[in-house]
Amino acid sequence: MDPGLSGISGSGGRRIRGDMEARNIFEPVPENLEEEAIDLLVQRENVRIERIISRGHASPESGWYDQERDEWVMVLKGEAVISLENGEEVHLEAGGYMNIPAHTRHRVKWTHPETETVWLAVHY
């Protein structure tokens, strides 16, 4: 596999040819989600794409993300609340997305505790 094309471990993806592989973003969902699951889907020089699965997870109260790159996030399933350092809160449900510019301090305040929240995160 191309080192820049990582897949979701054990997802039963189908190799198409060389560096191409077909997978399902919703499978597999880990049964034990004591910690948020972060799967690297693709990484290239200027982009990183991740699948993140949360169930009741939140950033620590003192834990603000302050990233070097812009981040575009979309909730594919479930719901979440993202807090910005300026006090704004953004509630995202399935299909909701937002762009977070580099060095915008933010944190995940809440994800649904009874169902998975599946995110797609693009760092660019």
PDB file of N, CA and C in Angstrom:
ATOM      1  N   MET A   1       0.851  -1.178   0.000  1.00  0.00           N
ATOM      2  CA  MET A   1       0.000   0.000   0.000  1.00  0.00           C
ATOM      3  C   MET A   1       0.886   1.225   0.000  1.00  0.00           C
ATOM      4  N   ASP A   2       0.492   2.263  -0.708  1.00  0.00           N
ATOM      5  CA  ASP A   2       1.182   3.541  -0.725  1.00  0.00           C
ATOM      6  C   ASP A   2       1.258   4.052   0.711  1.00  0.00           C
ATOM      7  N   PRO A   3       2.435   4.467   1.200  1.00  0.00           N
ATOM      8  CA  PRO A   3       2.537   4.918   2.584  1.00  0.00           C
ATOM      9  C   PRO A   3       1.657   6.121   2.880  1.00  0.00           C
ATOM     10  N   GLY A   4       1.245   6.864   1.871  1.00  0.00           N
ATOM     11  CA  GLY A   4       0.365   8.004   2.103  1.00  0.00           C
ATOM     12  C   GLY A   4      -1.094   7.644   2.111  1.00  0.00           C
ATOM     13  N   LEU A   5      -1.431   6.396   1.790  1.00  0.00           N
ATOM     14  CA  LEU A   5      -2.824   5.968   1.761  1.00  0.00           C
ATOM     15  C   LEU A   5      -3.021   4.941   2.853  1.00  0.00           C
ATOM     16  N   SER A   6      -3.314   5.426   4.027  1.00  0.00           N
ATOM     17  CA  SER A   6      -3.554   4.529   5.148  1.00  0.00           C
ATOM     18  C   SER A   6      -5.032   4.226   5.183  1.00  0.00           C
ATOM     19  N   GLY A   7      -5.380   3.099   5.724  1.00  0.00           N
ATOM     20  CA  GLY A   7      -6.788   2.724   5.771  1.00  0.00           C
ATOM     21  C   GLY A   7      -7.230   2.470   7.182  1.00  0.00           C
ATOM     22  N   ILE A   8      -8.492   2.205   7.319  1.00  0.00           N
ATOM     23  CA  ILE A   8      -9.064   1.889   8.605  1.00  0.00           C
ATOM     24  C   ILE A   8      -8.731   0.435   8.882  1.00  0.00           C
ATOM     25  N   SER A   9      -8.021   0.195   9.963  1.00  0.00           N
ATOM     26  CA  SER A   9      -7.554  -1.154  10.269  1.00  0.00           C
ATOM     27  C   SER A   9      -8.704  -2.138  10.323  1.00  0.00           C
ATOM     28  N   GLY A  10      -8.552  -3.237   9.606  1.00  0.00           N
ATOM     29  CA  GLY A  10      -9.510  -4.318   9.690  1.00  0.00           C
ATOM     30  C   GLY A  10     -10.865  -4.023   9.096  1.00  0.00           C
ATOM     31  N   SER A  11     -10.982  -3.018   8.231  1.00  0.00           N
ATOM     32  CA  SER A  11     -12.296  -2.644   7.734  1.00  0.00           C
ATOM     33  C   SER A  11     -12.740  -3.465   6.545  1.00  0.00           C
ATOM     34  N   GLY A  12     -11.905  -4.403   6.106  1.00  0.00           N
ATOM     35  CA  GLY A  12     -12.321  -5.234   4.991  1.00  0.00           C
ATOM     36  C   GLY A  12     -12.379  -4.462   3.690  1.00  0.00           C
ATOM     37  N   GLY A  13     -11.468  -3.509   3.531  1.00  0.00           N
ATOM     38  CA  GLY A  13     -11.438  -2.725   2.307  1.00  0.00           C
ATOM     39  C   GLY A  13     -11.142  -3.593   1.100  1.00  0.00           C
ATOM     40  N   ARG A  14     -11.439  -3.076  -0.048  1.00  0.00           N
ATOM     41  CA  ARG A  14     -11.218  -3.816  -1.285  1.00  0.00           C
ATOM     42  C   ARG A  14     -10.162  -3.096  -2.099  1.00  0.00           C
ATOM     43  N   ARG A  15      -9.071  -3.807  -2.413  1.00  0.00           N
ATOM     44  CA  ARG A  15      -7.997  -3.250  -3.228  1.00  0.00           C
ATOM     45  C   ARG A  15      -8.503  -3.140  -4.656  1.00  0.00           C
ATOM     46  N   ILE A  16      -8.390  -1.958  -5.245  1.00  0.00           N
ATOM     47  CA  ILE A  16      -8.816  -1.743  -6.619  1.00  0.00           C
ATOM     48  C   ILE A  16      -7.632  -1.929  -7.546  1.00  0.00           C
ATOM     49  N   ARG A  17      -6.553  -1.211  -7.266  1.00  0.00           N
ATOM     50  CA  ARG A  17      -5.294  -1.385  -7.989  1.00  0.00           C
ATOM     51  C   ARG A  17      -4.242  -0.580  -7.241  1.00  0.00           C
ATOM     52  N   GLY A  18      -3.012  -1.030  -7.274  1.00  0.00           N
ATOM     53  CA  GLY A  18      -1.891  -0.319  -6.681  1.00  0.00           C
ATOM     54  C   GLY A  18      -2.202   0.441  -5.415  1.00  0.00           C
ATOM     55  N   ASP A  19      -2.342   1.763  -5.534  1.00  0.00           N
ATOM     56  CA  ASP A  19      -2.546   2.608  -4.356  1.00  0.00           C
ATOM     57  C   ASP A  19      -4.010   2.998  -4.168  1.00  0.00           C
ATOM     58  N   MET A  20      -4.925   2.272  -4.789  1.00  0.00           N
ATOM     59  CA  MET A  20      -6.353   2.575  -4.646  1.00  0.00           C
ATOM     60  C   MET A  20      -7.038   1.481  -3.843  1.00  0.00           C
ATOM     61  N   GLU A  21      -7.871   1.904  -2.901  1.00  0.00           N
ATOM     62  CA  GLU A  21      -8.581   0.952  -2.062  1.00  0.00           C
ATOM     63  C   GLU A  21      -9.961   1.524  -1.745  1.00  0.00           C
ATOM     64  N   ALA A  22     -10.985   0.684  -1.778  1.00  0.00           N
ATOM     65  CA  ALA A  22     -12.348   1.102  -1.454  1.00  0.00           C
ATOM     66  C   ALA A  22     -12.690   0.631  -0.048  1.00  0.00           C
ATOM     67  N   ARG A  23     -13.231   1.526   0.767  1.00  0.00           N
ATOM     68  CA  ARG A  23     -13.608   1.207   2.150  1.00  0.00           C
ATOM     69  C   ARG A  23     -14.923   1.900   2.478  1.00  0.00           C
ATOM     70  N   ASN A  24     -15.462   1.605   3.642  1.00  0.00           N
ATOM     71  CA  ASN A  24     -16.686   2.238   4.114  1.00  0.00           C
ATOM     72  C   ASN A  24     -16.352   3.049   5.363  1.00  0.00           C
ATOM     73  N   ILE A  25     -16.671   4.332   5.354  1.00  0.00           N
ATOM     74  CA  ILE A  25     -16.334   5.241   6.458  1.00  0.00           C
ATOM     75  C   ILE A  25     -17.016   4.838   7.773  1.00  0.00           C
ATOM     76  N   PHE A  26     -18.127   4.095   7.682  1.00  0.00           N
ATOM     77  CA  PHE A  26     -18.881   3.716   8.879  1.00  0.00           C
ATOM     78  C   PHE A  26     -18.496   2.348   9.433  1.00  0.00           C
ATOM     79  N   GLU A  27     -17.555   1.656   8.801  1.00  0.00           N
ATOM     80  CA  GLU A  27     -17.169   0.322   9.262  1.00  0.00           C
ATOM     81  C   GLU A  27     -15.663   0.230   9.385  1.00  0.00           C
ATOM     82  N   PRO A  28     -15.133  -0.483  10.296  1.00  0.00           N
ATOM     83  CA  PRO A  28     -15.821  -0.973  11.482  1.00  0.00           C
ATOM     84  C   PRO A  28     -15.831   0.119  12.556  1.00  0.00           C
ATOM     85  N   VAL A  29     -16.825   0.101  13.400  1.00  0.00           N
ATOM     86  CA  VAL A  29     -16.868   1.003  14.549  1.00  0.00           C
ATOM     87  C   VAL A  29     -16.404   0.188  15.747  1.00  0.00           C
ATOM     88  N   PRO A  30     -15.343   0.619  16.404  1.00  0.00           N
ATOM     89  CA  PRO A  30     -14.857  -0.139  17.561  1.00  0.00           C
ATOM     90  C   PRO A  30     -15.948  -0.268  18.630  1.00  0.00           C
ATOM     91  N   GLU A  31     -16.064  -1.459  19.212  1.00  0.00           N
ATOM     92  CA  GLU A  31     -17.063  -1.658  20.267  1.00  0.00           C
ATOM     93  C   GLU A  31     -16.654  -0.954  21.545  1.00  0.00           C
ATOM     94  N   ASN A  32     -15.369  -0.989  21.845  1.00  0.00           N
ATOM     95  CA  ASN A  32     -14.861  -0.376  23.067  1.00  0.00           C
ATOM     96  C   ASN A  32     -14.323   1.012  22.726  1.00  0.00           C
ATOM     97  N   LEU A  33     -15.050   2.034  23.112  1.00  0.00           N
ATOM     98  CA  LEU A  33     -14.621   3.408  22.827  1.00  0.00           C
ATOM     99  C   LEU A  33     -14.281   4.140  24.128  1.00  0.00           C
ATOM    100  N   GLU A  34     -13.408   3.530  24.934  1.00  0.00           N
ATOM    101  CA  GLU A  34     -12.972   4.218  26.149  1.00  0.00           C
ATOM    102  C   GLU A  34     -12.278   5.517  25.785  1.00  0.00           C
ATOM    103  N   GLU A  35     -11.554   5.489  24.671  1.00  0.00           N
ATOM    104  CA  GLU A  35     -10.911   6.685  24.141  1.00  0.00           C
ATOM    105  C   GLU A  35     -11.443   6.926  22.742  1.00  0.00           C
ATOM    106  N   GLU A  36     -11.413   8.166  22.333  1.00  0.00           N
ATOM    107  CA  GLU A  36     -11.807   8.505  20.976  1.00  0.00           C
ATOM    108  C   GLU A  36     -10.946   7.715  19.992  1.00  0.00           C
ATOM    109  N   ALA A  37     -11.554   7.221  18.910  1.00  0.00           N
ATOM    110  CA  ALA A  37     -10.807   6.480  17.890  1.00  0.00           C
ATOM    111  C   ALA A  37     -10.488   7.430  16.731  1.00  0.00           C
ATOM    112  N   ILE A  38      -9.220   7.512  16.376  1.00  0.00           N
ATOM    113  CA  ILE A  38      -8.788   8.373  15.272  1.00  0.00           C
ATOM    114  C   ILE A  38      -8.070   7.491  14.262  1.00  0.00           C
ATOM    115  N   ASP A  39      -8.617   7.436  13.049  1.00  0.00           N
ATOM    116  CA  ASP A  39      -8.039   6.631  11.980  1.00  0.00           C
ATOM    117  C   ASP A  39      -7.563   7.550  10.867  1.00  0.00           C
ATOM    118  N   LEU A  40      -6.300   7.421  10.512  1.00  0.00           N
ATOM    119  CA  LEU A  40      -5.738   8.173   9.403  1.00  0.00           C
ATOM    120  C   LEU A  40      -6.188   7.518   8.098  1.00  0.00           C
ATOM    121  N   LEU A  41      -6.899   8.272   7.264  1.00  0.00           N
ATOM    122  CA  LEU A  41      -7.381   7.753   5.991  1.00  0.00           C
ATOM    123  C   LEU A  41      -6.414   8.059   4.859  1.00  0.00           C
ATOM    124  N   VAL A  42      -5.944   9.314   4.816  1.00  0.00           N
ATOM    125  CA  VAL A  42      -5.017   9.750   3.765  1.00  0.00           C
ATOM    126  C   VAL A  42      -4.094  10.802   4.349  1.00  0.00           C
ATOM    127  N   GLN A  43      -2.815  10.706   3.973  1.00  0.00           N
ATOM    128  CA  GLN A  43      -1.884  11.774   4.329  1.00  0.00           C
ATOM    129  C   GLN A  43      -0.973  12.038   3.148  1.00  0.00           C
ATOM    130  N   ARG A  44      -0.898  13.293   2.802  1.00  0.00           N
ATOM    131  CA  ARG A  44       0.012  13.770   1.763  1.00  0.00           C
ATOM    132  C   ARG A  44       0.737  14.983   2.341  1.00  0.00           C
ATOM    133  N   GLU A  45       1.609  15.564   1.555  1.00  0.00           N
ATOM    134  CA  GLU A  45       2.411  16.687   2.046  1.00  0.00           C
ATOM    135  C   GLU A  45       1.547  17.814   2.619  1.00  0.00           C
ATOM    136  N   ASN A  46       0.452  18.163   1.953  1.00  0.00           N
ATOM    137  CA  ASN A  46      -0.343  19.320   2.364  1.00  0.00           C
ATOM    138  C   ASN A  46      -1.739  18.999   2.852  1.00  0.00           C
ATOM    139  N   VAL A  47      -2.039  17.720   3.073  1.00  0.00           N
ATOM    140  CA  VAL A  47      -3.378  17.368   3.545  1.00  0.00           C
ATOM    141  C   VAL A  47      -3.321  16.098   4.382  1.00  0.00           C
ATOM    142  N   ARG A  48      -4.153  16.070   5.400  1.00  0.00           N
ATOM    143  CA  ARG A  48      -4.312  14.897   6.262  1.00  0.00           C
ATOM    144  C   ARG A  48      -5.811  14.722   6.471  1.00  0.00           C
ATOM    145  N   ILE A  49      -6.329  13.520   6.192  1.00  0.00           N
ATOM    146  CA  ILE A  49      -7.756  13.247   6.346  1.00  0.00           C
ATOM    147  C   ILE A  49      -7.914  12.133   7.372  1.00  0.00           C
ATOM    148  N   GLU A  50      -8.773  12.391   8.377  1.00  0.00           N
ATOM    149  CA  GLU A  50      -8.972  11.443   9.458  1.00  0.00           C
ATOM    150  C   GLU A  50     -10.453  11.122   9.633  1.00  0.00           C
ATOM    151  N   ARG A  51     -10.714   9.908  10.084  1.00  0.00           N
ATOM    152  CA  ARG A  51     -12.037   9.545  10.592  1.00  0.00           C
ATOM    153  C   ARG A  51     -11.884   9.505  12.102  1.00  0.00           C
ATOM    154  N   ILE A  52     -12.786  10.191  12.792  1.00  0.00           N
ATOM    155  CA  ILE A  52     -12.758  10.225  14.251  1.00  0.00           C
ATOM    156  C   ILE A  52     -14.101   9.689  14.743  1.00  0.00           C
ATOM    157  N   ILE A  53     -14.046   8.804  15.734  1.00  0.00           N
ATOM    158  CA  ILE A  53     -15.280   8.270  16.316  1.00  0.00           C
ATOM    159  C   ILE A  53     -15.268   8.583  17.803  1.00  0.00           C
ATOM    160  N   SER A  54     -16.335   9.249  18.252  1.00  0.00           N
ATOM    161  CA  SER A  54     -16.484   9.643  19.649  1.00  0.00           C
ATOM    162  C   SER A  54     -17.799   9.074  20.182  1.00  0.00           C
ATOM    163  N   ARG A  55     -17.837   8.806  21.465  1.00  0.00           N
ATOM    164  CA  ARG A  55     -19.089   8.459  22.135  1.00  0.00           C
ATOM    165  C   ARG A  55     -18.986   9.007  23.555  1.00  0.00           C
ATOM    166  N   GLY A  56     -19.542  10.204  23.742  1.00  0.00           N
ATOM    167  CA  GLY A  56     -19.477  10.838  25.047  1.00  0.00           C
ATOM    168  C   GLY A  56     -18.131  11.462  25.363  1.00  0.00           C
ATOM    169  N   HIS A  57     -17.262  11.580  24.374  1.00  0.00           N
ATOM    170  CA  HIS A  57     -15.936  12.154  24.608  1.00  0.00           C
ATOM    171  C   HIS A  57     -15.971  13.671  24.491  1.00  0.00           C
ATOM    172  N   ALA A  58     -15.065  14.308  25.196  1.00  0.00           N
ATOM    173  CA  ALA A  58     -14.891  15.757  25.136  1.00  0.00           C
ATOM    174  C   ALA A  58     -13.427  16.060  25.407  1.00  0.00           C
ATOM    175  N   SER A  59     -12.986  17.217  24.961  1.00  0.00           N
ATOM    176  CA  SER A  59     -11.624  17.656  25.275  1.00  0.00           C
ATOM    177  C   SER A  59     -11.563  18.005  26.759  1.00  0.00           C
ATOM    178  N   PRO A  60     -10.403  17.856  27.384  1.00  0.00           N
ATOM    179  CA  PRO A  60     -10.279  18.297  28.781  1.00  0.00           C
ATOM    180  C   PRO A  60     -10.604  19.793  28.873  1.00  0.00           C
ATOM    181  N   GLU A  61     -11.142  20.211  30.014  1.00  0.00           N
ATOM    182  CA  GLU A  61     -11.512  21.624  30.210  1.00  0.00           C
ATOM    183  C   GLU A  61     -10.358  22.559  29.870  1.00  0.00           C
ATOM    184  N   SER A  62      -9.152  22.144  30.184  1.00  0.00           N
ATOM    185  CA  SER A  62      -7.991  22.994  29.914  1.00  0.00           C
ATOM    186  C   SER A  62      -7.350  22.672  28.569  1.00  0.00           C
ATOM    187  N   GLY A  63      -7.960  21.764  27.808  1.00  0.00           N
ATOM    188  CA  GLY A  63      -7.328  21.274  26.588  1.00  0.00           C
ATOM    189  C   GLY A  63      -7.825  21.939  25.319  1.00  0.00           C
ATOM    190  N   TRP A  64      -7.209  23.026  24.937  1.00  0.00           N
ATOM    191  CA  TRP A  64      -7.570  23.720  23.702  1.00  0.00           C
ATOM    192  C   TRP A  64      -6.665  23.249  22.572  1.00  0.00           C
ATOM    193  N   TYR A  65      -7.270  22.955  21.424  1.00  0.00           N
ATOM    194  CA  TYR A  65      -6.480  22.687  20.229  1.00  0.00           C
ATOM    195  C   TYR A  65      -6.040  24.024  19.654  1.00  0.00           C
ATOM    196  N   ASP A  66      -4.786  24.117  19.272  1.00  0.00           N
ATOM    197  CA  ASP A  66      -4.237  25.297  18.603  1.00  0.00           C
ATOM    198  C   ASP A  66      -3.327  24.747  17.513  1.00  0.00           C
ATOM    199  N   GLN A  67      -3.903  24.521  16.349  1.00  0.00           N
ATOM    200  CA  GLN A  67      -3.242  23.763  15.296  1.00  0.00           C
ATOM    201  C   GLN A  67      -2.543  24.652  14.280  1.00  0.00           C
ATOM    202  N   GLU A  68      -1.473  24.114  13.724  1.00  0.00           N
ATOM    203  CA  GLU A  68      -0.674  24.822  12.717  1.00  0.00           C
ATOM    204  C   GLU A  68      -1.396  24.952  11.384  1.00  0.00           C
ATOM    205  N   ARG A  69      -2.347  24.061  11.117  1.00  0.00           N
ATOM    206  CA  ARG A  69      -3.038  24.044   9.826  1.00  0.00           C
ATOM    207  C   ARG A  69      -4.525  24.307  10.014  1.00  0.00           C
ATOM    208  N   ASP A  70      -5.181  24.724   8.933  1.00  0.00           N
ATOM    209  CA  ASP A  70      -6.633  24.824   8.934  1.00  0.00           C
ATOM    210  C   ASP A  70      -7.208  23.424   9.098  1.00  0.00           C
ATOM    211  N   GLU A  71      -8.425  23.356   9.653  1.00  0.00           N
ATOM    212  CA  GLU A  71      -9.106  22.072   9.795  1.00  0.00           C
ATOM    213  C   GLU A  71     -10.562  22.241   9.394  1.00  0.00           C
ATOM    214  N   TRP A  72     -11.006  21.385   8.497  1.00  0.00           N
ATOM    215  CA  TRP A  72     -12.407  21.326   8.095  1.00  0.00           C
ATOM    216  C   TRP A  72     -12.964  20.050   8.702  1.00  0.00           C
ATOM    217  N   VAL A  73     -14.050  20.164   9.472  1.00  0.00           N
ATOM    218  CA  VAL A  73     -14.645  18.989  10.101  1.00  0.00           C
ATOM    219  C   VAL A  73     -16.113  18.875   9.725  1.00  0.00           C
ATOM    220  N   MET A  74     -16.568  17.642   9.577  1.00  0.00           N
ATOM    221  CA  MET A  74     -17.967  17.355   9.298  1.00  0.00           C
ATOM    222  C   MET A  74     -18.407  16.203  10.194  1.00  0.00           C
ATOM    223  N   VAL A  75     -19.594  16.334  10.764  1.00  0.00           N
ATOM    224  CA  VAL A  75     -20.185  15.232  11.508  1.00  0.00           C
ATOM    225  C   VAL A  75     -21.008  14.421  10.514  1.00  0.00           C
ATOM    226  N   LEU A  76     -20.624  13.167  10.334  1.00  0.00           N
ATOM    227  CA  LEU A  76     -21.322  12.285   9.407  1.00  0.00           C
ATOM    228  C   LEU A  76     -22.473  11.553  10.093  1.00  0.00           C
ATOM    229  N   LYS A  77     -22.310  11.328  11.398  1.00  0.00           N
ATOM    230  CA  LYS A  77     -23.311  10.611  12.188  1.00  0.00           C
ATOM    231  C   LYS A  77     -23.191  11.107  13.613  1.00  0.00           C
ATOM    232  N   GLY A  78     -24.316  11.249  14.308  1.00  0.00           N
ATOM    233  CA  GLY A  78     -24.297  11.682  15.700  1.00  0.00           C
ATOM    234  C   GLY A  78     -24.369  13.189  15.816  1.00  0.00           C
ATOM    235  N   GLU A  79     -23.834  13.708  16.911  1.00  0.00           N
ATOM    236  CA  GLU A  79     -23.822  15.157  17.117  1.00  0.00           C
ATOM    237  C   GLU A  79     -22.745  15.541  18.115  1.00  0.00           C
ATOM    238  N   ALA A  80     -22.363  16.817  18.038  1.00  0.00           N
ATOM    239  CA  ALA A  80     -21.274  17.314  18.877  1.00  0.00           C
ATOM    240  C   ALA A  80     -21.408  18.821  19.057  1.00  0.00           C
ATOM    241  N   VAL A  81     -20.734  19.326  20.072  1.00  0.00           N
ATOM    242  CA  VAL A  81     -20.629  20.765  20.302  1.00  0.00           C
ATOM    243  C   VAL A  81     -19.150  21.113  20.345  1.00  0.00           C
ATOM    244  N   ILE A  82     -18.764  22.088  19.525  1.00  0.00           N
ATOM    245  CA  ILE A  82     -17.396  22.595  19.520  1.00  0.00           C
ATOM    246  C   ILE A  82     -17.411  23.984  20.142  1.00  0.00           C
ATOM    247  N   SER A  83     -16.531  24.203  21.117  1.00  0.00           N
ATOM    248  CA  SER A  83     -16.385  25.503  21.772  1.00  0.00           C
ATOM    249  C   SER A  83     -15.177  26.208  21.206  1.00  0.00           C
ATOM    250  N   LEU A  84     -15.332  27.493  20.960  1.00  0.00           N
ATOM    251  CA  LEU A  84     -14.219  28.335  20.529  1.00  0.00           C
ATOM    252  C   LEU A  84     -13.767  29.167  21.717  1.00  0.00           C
ATOM    253  N   GLU A  85     -12.512  29.556  21.719  1.00  0.00           N
ATOM    254  CA  GLU A  85     -11.968  30.300  22.860  1.00  0.00           C
ATOM    255  C   GLU A  85     -12.704  31.614  23.106  1.00  0.00           C
ATOM    256  N   ASN A  86     -13.299  32.188  22.051  1.00  0.00           N
ATOM    257  CA  ASN A  86     -14.015  33.451  22.216  1.00  0.00           C
ATOM    258  C   ASN A  86     -15.388  33.281  22.864  1.00  0.00           C
ATOM    259  N   GLY A  87     -15.744  32.046  23.252  1.00  0.00           N
ATOM    260  CA  GLY A  87     -17.001  31.786  23.937  1.00  0.00           C
ATOM    261  C   GLY A  87     -18.111  31.259  23.031  1.00  0.00           C
ATOM    262  N   GLU A  88     -17.913  31.328  21.731  1.00  0.00           N
ATOM    263  CA  GLU A  88     -18.910  30.785  20.809  1.00  0.00           C
ATOM    264  C   GLU A  88     -18.955  29.274  20.906  1.00  0.00           C
ATOM    265  N   GLU A  89     -20.156  28.728  20.698  1.00  0.00           N
ATOM    266  CA  GLU A  89     -20.318  27.284  20.631  1.00  0.00           C
ATOM    267  C   GLU A  89     -21.035  26.941  19.342  1.00  0.00           C
ATOM    268  N   VAL A  90     -20.589  25.874  18.700  1.00  0.00           N
ATOM    269  CA  VAL A  90     -21.182  25.431  17.440  1.00  0.00           C
ATOM    270  C   VAL A  90     -21.704  24.013  17.645  1.00  0.00           C
ATOM    271  N   HIS A  91     -23.015  23.845  17.443  1.00  0.00           N
ATOM    272  CA  HIS A  91     -23.641  22.524  17.559  1.00  0.00           C
ATOM    273  C   HIS A  91     -23.707  21.923  16.161  1.00  0.00           C
ATOM    274  N   LEU A  92     -23.085  20.765  15.996  1.00  0.00           N
ATOM    275  CA  LEU A  92     -23.075  20.079  14.707  1.00  0.00           C
ATOM    276  C   LEU A  92     -23.843  18.774  14.819  1.00  0.00           C
ATOM    277  N   GLU A  93     -24.762  18.563  13.881  1.00  0.00           N
ATOM    278  CA  GLU A  93     -25.476  17.298  13.748  1.00  0.00           C
ATOM    279  C   GLU A  93     -25.059  16.672  12.433  1.00  0.00           C
ATOM    280  N   ALA A  94     -25.527  15.460  12.157  1.00  0.00           N
ATOM    281  CA  ALA A  94     -25.163  14.754  10.928  1.00  0.00           C
ATOM    282  C   ALA A  94     -25.347  15.677   9.723  1.00  0.00           C
ATOM    283  N   GLY A  95     -24.290  15.809   8.942  1.00  0.00           N
ATOM    284  CA  GLY A  95     -24.295  16.685   7.779  1.00  0.00           C
ATOM    285  C   GLY A  95     -23.740  18.069   8.063  1.00  0.00           C
ATOM    286  N   GLY A  96     -23.605  18.431   9.333  1.00  0.00           N
ATOM    287  CA  GLY A  96     -23.073  19.743   9.699  1.00  0.00           C
ATOM    288  C   GLY A  96     -21.558  19.767   9.612  1.00  0.00           C
ATOM    289  N   TYR A  97     -21.034  20.906   9.161  1.00  0.00           N
ATOM    290  CA  TYR A  97     -19.580  21.031   9.050  1.00  0.00           C
ATOM    291  C   TYR A  97     -19.158  22.452   9.361  1.00  0.00           C
ATOM    292  N   MET A  98     -17.872  22.597   9.621  1.00  0.00           N
ATOM    293  CA  MET A  98     -17.308  23.926   9.847  1.00  0.00           C
ATOM    294  C   MET A  98     -15.838  23.910   9.469  1.00  0.00           C
ATOM    295  N   ASN A  99     -15.329  25.079   9.143  1.00  0.00           N
ATOM    296  CA  ASN A  99     -13.913  25.265   8.859  1.00  0.00           C
ATOM    297  C   ASN A  99     -13.302  26.006  10.037  1.00  0.00           C
ATOM    298  N   ILE A 100     -12.205  25.498  10.535  1.00  0.00           N
ATOM    299  CA  ILE A 100     -11.530  26.107  11.676  1.00  0.00           C
ATOM    300  C   ILE A 100     -10.162  26.579  11.201  1.00  0.00           C
ATOM    301  N   PRO A 101      -9.971  27.896  11.080  1.00  0.00           N
ATOM    302  CA  PRO A 101      -8.673  28.406  10.613  1.00  0.00           C
ATOM    303  C   PRO A 101      -7.533  28.033  11.570  1.00  0.00           C
ATOM    304  N   ALA A 102      -6.345  27.919  11.020  1.00  0.00           N
ATOM    305  CA  ALA A 102      -5.160  27.627  11.829  1.00  0.00           C
ATOM    306  C   ALA A 102      -5.079  28.593  13.003  1.00  0.00           C
ATOM    307  N   HIS A 103      -4.662  28.093  14.138  1.00  0.00           N
ATOM    308  CA  HIS A 103      -4.467  28.846  15.380  1.00  0.00           C
ATOM    309  C   HIS A 103      -5.754  29.407  15.968  1.00  0.00           C
ATOM    310  N   THR A 104      -6.902  28.884  15.562  1.00  0.00           N
ATOM    311  CA  THR A 104      -8.163  29.214  16.230  1.00  0.00           C
ATOM    312  C   THR A 104      -8.324  28.202  17.353  1.00  0.00           C
ATOM    313  N   ARG A 105      -8.182  28.673  18.577  1.00  0.00           N
ATOM    314  CA  ARG A 105      -8.243  27.758  19.714  1.00  0.00           C
ATOM    315  C   ARG A 105      -9.672  27.253  19.874  1.00  0.00           C
ATOM    316  N   HIS A 106      -9.785  25.909  19.943  1.00  0.00           N
ATOM    317  CA  HIS A 106     -11.089  25.272  20.012  1.00  0.00           C
ATOM    318  C   HIS A 106     -10.978  23.964  20.772  1.00  0.00           C
ATOM    319  N   ARG A 107     -12.124  23.451  21.187  1.00  0.00           N
ATOM    320  CA  ARG A 107     -12.170  22.161  21.882  1.00  0.00           C
ATOM    321  C   ARG A 107     -13.517  21.503  21.631  1.00  0.00           C
ATOM    322  N   VAL A 108     -13.559  20.203  21.764  1.00  0.00           N
ATOM    323  CA  VAL A 108     -14.819  19.476  21.687  1.00  0.00           C
ATOM    324  C   VAL A 108     -15.427  19.516  23.078  1.00  0.00           C
ATOM    325  N   LYS A 109     -16.578  20.193  23.198  1.00  0.00           N
ATOM    326  CA  LYS A 109     -17.234  20.333  24.498  1.00  0.00           C
ATOM    327  C   LYS A 109     -18.085  19.112  24.828  1.00  0.00           C
ATOM    328  N   TRP A 110     -18.712  18.507  23.785  1.00  0.00           N
ATOM    329  CA  TRP A 110     -19.657  17.431  24.044  1.00  0.00           C
ATOM    330  C   TRP A 110     -19.850  16.592  22.793  1.00  0.00           C
ATOM    331  N   THR A 111     -19.945  15.296  22.971  1.00  0.00           N
ATOM    332  CA  THR A 111     -20.439  14.403  21.923  1.00  0.00           C
ATOM    333  C   THR A 111     -21.490  13.515  22.569  1.00  0.00           C
ATOM    334  N   HIS A 112     -22.417  13.034  21.770  1.00  0.00           N
ATOM    335  CA  HIS A 112     -23.536  12.251  22.292  1.00  0.00           C
ATOM    336  C   HIS A 112     -23.016  11.034  23.056  1.00  0.00           C
ATOM    337  N   PRO A 113     -23.493  10.820  24.293  1.00  0.00           N
ATOM    338  CA  PRO A 113     -22.965   9.722  25.105  1.00  0.00           C
ATOM    339  C   PRO A 113     -23.528   8.342  24.769  1.00  0.00           C
ATOM    340  N   GLU A 114     -24.637   8.286  24.029  1.00  0.00           N
ATOM    341  CA  GLU A 114     -25.285   6.990  23.796  1.00  0.00           C
ATOM    342  C   GLU A 114     -25.129   6.469  22.374  1.00  0.00           C
ATOM    343  N   THR A 115     -24.595   7.275  21.481  1.00  0.00           N
ATOM    344  CA  THR A 115     -24.402   6.831  20.107  1.00  0.00           C
ATOM    345  C   THR A 115     -23.082   7.381  19.590  1.00  0.00           C
ATOM    346  N   GLU A 116     -22.545   6.747  18.581  1.00  0.00           N
ATOM    347  CA  GLU A 116     -21.278   7.205  18.036  1.00  0.00           C
ATOM    348  C   GLU A 116     -21.463   8.518  17.281  1.00  0.00           C
ATOM    349  N   THR A 117     -20.481   9.378  17.424  1.00  0.00           N
ATOM    350  CA  THR A 117     -20.359  10.546  16.561  1.00  0.00           C
ATOM    351  C   THR A 117     -19.196  10.242  15.635  1.00  0.00           C
ATOM    352  N   VAL A 118     -19.495  10.198  14.332  1.00  0.00           N
ATOM    353  CA  VAL A 118     -18.467   9.909  13.339  1.00  0.00           C
ATOM    354  C   VAL A 118     -18.138  11.204  12.630  1.00  0.00           C
ATOM    355  N   TRP A 119     -16.883  11.608  12.696  1.00  0.00           N
ATOM    356  CA  TRP A 119     -16.394  12.846  12.109  1.00  0.00           C
ATOM    357  C   TRP A 119     -15.512  12.532  10.896  1.00  0.00           C
ATOM    358  N   LEU A 120     -15.467  13.459   9.983  1.00  0.00           N
ATOM    359  CA  LEU A 120     -14.459  13.470   8.940  1.00  0.00           C
ATOM    360  C   LEU A 120     -13.680  14.767   9.141  1.00  0.00           C
ATOM    361  N   ALA A 121     -12.387  14.662   9.350  1.00  0.00           N
ATOM    362  CA  ALA A 121     -11.550  15.847   9.591  1.00  0.00           C
ATOM    363  C   ALA A 121     -10.497  15.942   8.498  1.00  0.00           C
ATOM    364  N   VAL A 122     -10.421  17.127   7.907  1.00  0.00           N
ATOM    365  CA  VAL A 122      -9.433  17.395   6.860  1.00  0.00           C
ATOM    366  C   VAL A 122      -8.538  18.522   7.349  1.00  0.00           C
ATOM    367  N   HIS A 123      -7.263  18.196   7.535  1.00  0.00           N
ATOM    368  CA  HIS A 123      -6.272  19.200   7.943  1.00  0.00           C
ATOM    369  C   HIS A 123      -5.508  19.594   6.689  1.00  0.00           C
ATOM    370  N   TYR A 124      -5.468  20.900   6.409  1.00  0.00           N
ATOM    371  CA  TYR A 124      -4.812  21.342   5.174  1.00  0.00           C
ATOM    372  C   TYR A 124      -4.070  22.643   5.361  1.00  0.00           C
TER     373      TYR A 124
END
